[in-house]
Structure formats: C-alpha cells, structure tokens
Amino acid sequence: MQMSRLIPAVLMLLAVMPGNSLQAQESDVFWRLQNEPVTVFDVGIKRLRAAVQIASQRLISPSEPKPVFRVQFDEKTRKIVVSIKAEMRTTAVSQKGCWALRANAIKEIFSVASAYQTAPLSVEARIQRRLALMFSREPVQINSAYIGLGERLAELTIVDVEFGTETPPLRFACRATAADLKSP
C-alpha cells in the first residue's frame, strides 16, 4: 500500500527535476556558449575581421585619423566585402594613391610579405592560401580542395578602399577582388 503511493511521488519528483536542471543550464553563460553552433564561415569572417583590424592600424601614419573598416557578407551578391575608409590630413591624395593604399591593405591583411612559404608562390597564390586558411578547420591540410577553396574565396572577396581628405573635400574609391593588386 505504501509502495503504490511512493511510486507516483518519485515519478513526480523526477519530472520536476530535469526542468529545474535545464533552466539552470540555460542561465549558465558557459553552457549556453558551449552549445551554440558555430560554422567554419563564422570563424572565417571573424579571422578576416581580426586581420583587417590589425592591417588598418598599420596602413596610415599614426598622426592621421584611424581608418574605419567593416567586413560583411553581402547576401544579394553572395560576396564577402572588406571596406576600409581612410581620411588623410595631407592634400596629396589621388586615384593612383587609392590603388596603392588598397594594395598595401591587401598585403597587410593577408600577411603576404611575412608569410613563410616552402614553395615560391605568387602574391595572388599567397592571398588565396591565406583566405583558405582563414576559412578552414584546424589542422589544415594543403590539398586540391584547400587550394580550390582559396581560389574561389579570392574571386568572391572584394576589397573596397575609400580614401580622401575633409579639406579640401577630395574622395577616391577603388574596388576589386582580393587577389587583384593591379590598378586599372
């Protein structure tokens, strides 16, 4: 007789406990973060954004205003767009200077000059490999899929630089794919 009363009480207790435990887990920030799905794309955008942040600080003389940057994925065009806007105090700005600043930005973002390569690679190939590295799982294995990923990302990543002065108001813009360092 006592046993028949005990079983419903135990079942009731078990039914209540997981709810409280789940509630406690959801309020635990570390539990929530550990259970949040993250994609390789998310990590790649974050790595690219960090590289752009560091590069943008190196582009302009410390006496100049700091450049403003943004890295975003454009859903409509299905491209990654890196935008850097720089204001200069000097009046020596030009379209040619914009392309030179953009080339320097790309070399800084993708560590072209400092990247150690076991095989001699073109600047374009180094940019492609760096992009593939940013958007890959660890440990990275260099194979045809990795190289193909880098080539495709280089085609789909746009680096846009806007460059100018406030007084006199001059503004120049240059935009091309990440692996394209040549001015038109």
Protein backbone atom coordinates (compact mmCIF):
# COMPACT_ATOMS: atom_id res chain seq x y z
CA MET A 1 0.00 0.00 0.00
CA GLN A 2 2.79 2.37 0.90
CA MET A 3 4.68 1.40 -2.26
CA SER A 4 1.80 2.44 -4.51
CA ARG A 5 1.91 5.96 -3.03
CA LEU A 6 5.69 6.17 -3.24
CA ILE A 7 5.93 5.45 -6.99
CA PRO A 8 3.79 8.46 -8.09
CA ALA A 9 5.72 10.71 -5.71
CA VAL A 10 9.07 9.56 -7.16
CA LEU A 11 7.80 9.98 -10.72
CA MET A 12 6.57 13.47 -9.86
CA LEU A 13 9.96 14.36 -8.38
CA LEU A 14 11.80 13.07 -11.46
CA ALA A 15 9.50 15.03 -13.76
CA VAL A 16 10.20 18.27 -11.88
CA MET A 17 13.99 17.90 -11.56
CA PRO A 18 15.04 17.96 -15.25
CA GLY A 19 13.11 21.19 -15.78
CA ASN A 20 14.99 22.91 -12.99
CA SER A 21 18.29 21.48 -14.20
CA LEU A 22 17.60 22.63 -17.75
CA GLN A 23 16.68 26.09 -16.52
CA ALA A 24 19.92 26.28 -14.55
CA GLN A 25 21.91 25.19 -17.61
CA GLU A 26 20.28 27.82 -19.82
CA SER A 27 21.14 30.58 -17.37
CA ASP A 28 24.78 29.40 -17.28
CA VAL A 29 26.53 31.53 -19.90
CA PHE A 30 29.29 28.96 -20.46
CA TRP A 31 26.82 26.12 -21.01
CA ARG A 32 24.89 28.25 -23.47
CA LEU A 33 28.05 29.30 -25.37
CA GLN A 34 29.38 25.74 -25.48
CA ASN A 35 26.13 24.60 -27.06
CA GLU A 36 25.84 27.42 -29.63
CA PRO A 37 26.57 26.13 -33.16
CA VAL A 38 29.42 27.91 -34.93
CA THR A 39 30.19 27.36 -38.61
CA VAL A 40 33.53 27.47 -40.40
CA PHE A 41 32.10 30.52 -42.19
CA ASP A 42 31.51 32.30 -38.85
CA VAL A 43 35.07 31.58 -37.77
CA GLY A 44 36.46 32.66 -41.15
CA ILE A 45 34.65 36.00 -41.06
CA LYS A 46 35.93 36.56 -37.52
CA ARG A 47 39.52 35.72 -38.57
CA LEU A 48 39.26 38.01 -41.61
CA ARG A 49 37.82 40.83 -39.49
CA ALA A 50 40.70 40.49 -36.99
CA ALA A 51 43.25 40.60 -39.83
CA VAL A 52 41.59 43.71 -41.31
CA GLN A 53 41.59 45.40 -37.91
CA ILE A 54 45.33 44.85 -37.47
CA ALA A 55 46.10 45.82 -41.08
CA SER A 56 44.03 49.02 -40.92
CA GLN A 57 46.11 50.21 -37.96
CA ARG A 58 49.32 49.76 -40.00
CA LEU A 59 48.10 51.47 -43.17
CA ILE A 60 48.14 55.08 -42.11
CA SER A 61 50.69 57.15 -40.26
CA PRO A 62 49.97 57.39 -36.51
CA SER A 63 49.45 61.14 -36.94
CA GLU A 64 46.50 60.51 -39.31
CA PRO A 65 42.96 59.63 -38.16
CA LYS A 66 42.47 55.89 -37.77
CA PRO A 67 40.78 54.19 -40.72
CA VAL A 68 37.29 52.78 -40.30
CA PHE A 69 36.77 49.24 -41.54
CA ARG A 70 33.98 46.71 -41.99
CA VAL A 71 33.86 43.06 -43.05
CA GLN A 72 30.48 41.71 -44.07
CA PHE A 73 28.81 39.09 -46.20
CA ASP A 74 26.52 40.54 -48.85
CA GLU A 75 23.57 38.15 -49.15
CA LYS A 76 22.44 39.57 -52.51
CA THR A 77 25.75 39.26 -54.35
CA ARG A 78 26.99 36.28 -52.28
CA LYS A 79 30.33 38.03 -51.74
CA ILE A 80 32.44 38.97 -48.76
CA VAL A 81 33.10 42.72 -48.76
CA VAL A 82 36.02 44.26 -46.90
CA SER A 83 35.63 48.05 -46.68
CA ILE A 84 38.28 50.44 -45.43
CA LYS A 85 37.72 54.19 -45.24
CA ALA A 86 40.66 56.46 -44.56
CA GLU A 87 40.75 60.22 -44.05
CA MET A 88 44.06 61.96 -44.63
CA ARG A 89 45.24 65.36 -43.46
CA THR A 90 47.53 65.73 -46.44
CA THR A 91 46.20 67.04 -49.74
CA ALA A 92 48.38 64.64 -51.72
CA VAL A 93 45.61 62.13 -52.43
CA SER A 94 44.77 60.71 -55.84
CA GLN A 95 43.14 57.76 -57.55
CA LYS A 96 46.58 56.23 -58.03
CA GLY A 97 47.20 56.70 -54.29
CA CYS A 98 43.93 54.92 -53.55
CA TRP A 99 45.03 51.85 -55.52
CA ALA A 100 48.43 51.92 -53.80
CA LEU A 101 46.73 52.10 -50.37
CA ARG A 102 44.44 49.21 -51.36
CA ALA A 103 47.42 47.08 -52.48
CA ASN A 104 49.18 47.79 -49.18
CA ALA A 105 45.99 46.93 -47.26
CA ILE A 106 45.72 43.58 -49.04
CA LYS A 107 49.38 42.76 -48.38
CA GLU A 108 48.86 43.57 -44.69
CA ILE A 109 45.52 41.75 -44.35
CA PHE A 110 46.82 38.57 -45.92
CA SER A 111 50.37 38.80 -44.50
CA VAL A 112 51.81 38.49 -47.99
CA ALA A 113 55.27 39.81 -47.16
CA SER A 114 55.63 37.99 -43.85
CA ALA A 115 54.08 34.64 -44.74
CA TYR A 116 56.71 31.92 -44.94
CA GLN A 117 56.15 29.64 -47.90
CA THR A 118 58.05 26.43 -48.52
CA ALA A 119 57.47 26.79 -52.27
CA PRO A 120 57.82 30.00 -54.25
CA LEU A 121 54.29 31.33 -54.76
CA SER A 122 52.90 34.39 -56.49
CA VAL A 123 51.29 37.12 -54.42
CA GLU A 124 47.91 36.01 -55.78
CA ALA A 125 48.52 32.40 -54.66
CA ARG A 126 49.61 33.59 -51.21
CA ILE A 127 46.38 35.60 -50.84
CA GLN A 128 44.34 32.59 -51.96
CA ARG A 129 46.06 30.30 -49.45
CA ARG A 130 45.66 32.81 -46.64
CA LEU A 131 41.91 33.09 -47.37
CA ALA A 132 41.62 29.30 -47.44
CA LEU A 133 43.43 29.15 -44.08
CA MET A 134 41.03 31.69 -42.55
CA PHE A 135 38.00 29.68 -43.69
CA SER A 136 39.26 26.16 -42.84
CA ARG A 137 39.11 23.80 -39.91
CA GLU A 138 42.25 23.01 -37.96
CA PRO A 139 44.57 21.27 -38.65
CA VAL A 140 44.82 22.49 -42.22
CA GLN A 141 45.95 20.06 -44.88
CA ILE A 142 47.07 21.63 -48.12
CA ASN A 143 45.45 19.69 -50.92
CA SER A 144 43.48 20.42 -54.07
CA ALA A 145 40.26 21.11 -52.12
CA TYR A 146 42.07 23.63 -49.90
CA ILE A 147 43.68 25.36 -52.91
CA GLY A 148 40.33 25.37 -54.74
CA LEU A 149 38.65 26.94 -51.71
CA GLY A 150 41.25 29.71 -51.67
CA GLU A 151 40.86 30.38 -55.39
CA ARG A 152 37.07 30.61 -55.08
CA LEU A 153 37.19 32.81 -51.96
CA ALA A 154 39.66 35.16 -53.69
CA GLU A 155 37.13 35.58 -56.52
CA LEU A 156 34.28 36.19 -54.06
CA THR A 157 36.05 38.56 -51.67
CA ILE A 158 36.01 42.24 -52.58
CA VAL A 159 38.36 44.78 -51.04
CA ASP A 160 36.94 48.28 -51.23
CA VAL A 161 39.01 51.29 -50.17
CA GLU A 162 37.67 54.82 -49.86
CA PHE A 163 40.34 57.41 -49.38
CA GLY A 164 40.23 61.17 -49.13
CA THR A 165 40.52 64.45 -47.26
CA GLU A 166 38.00 66.64 -45.49
CA THR A 167 39.55 69.95 -46.55
CA PRO A 168 39.62 70.37 -49.42
CA PRO A 169 36.96 67.70 -49.89
CA LEU A 170 38.57 65.05 -52.06
CA ARG A 171 37.35 61.46 -52.27
CA PHE A 172 38.67 58.49 -54.21
CA ALA A 173 37.43 54.90 -54.23
CA CYS A 174 38.87 51.72 -55.61
CA ARG A 175 37.30 48.26 -55.56
CA ALA A 176 38.37 44.86 -56.88
CA THR A 177 38.69 41.22 -55.86
CA ALA A 178 41.10 40.37 -53.06
CA ALA A 179 43.77 38.82 -55.28
CA ASP A 180 43.76 41.71 -57.76
CA LEU A 181 46.52 44.14 -56.78
CA LYS A 182 46.73 45.98 -60.09
CA SER A 183 45.12 49.34 -60.66
CA PRO A 184 43.02 49.70 -63.84
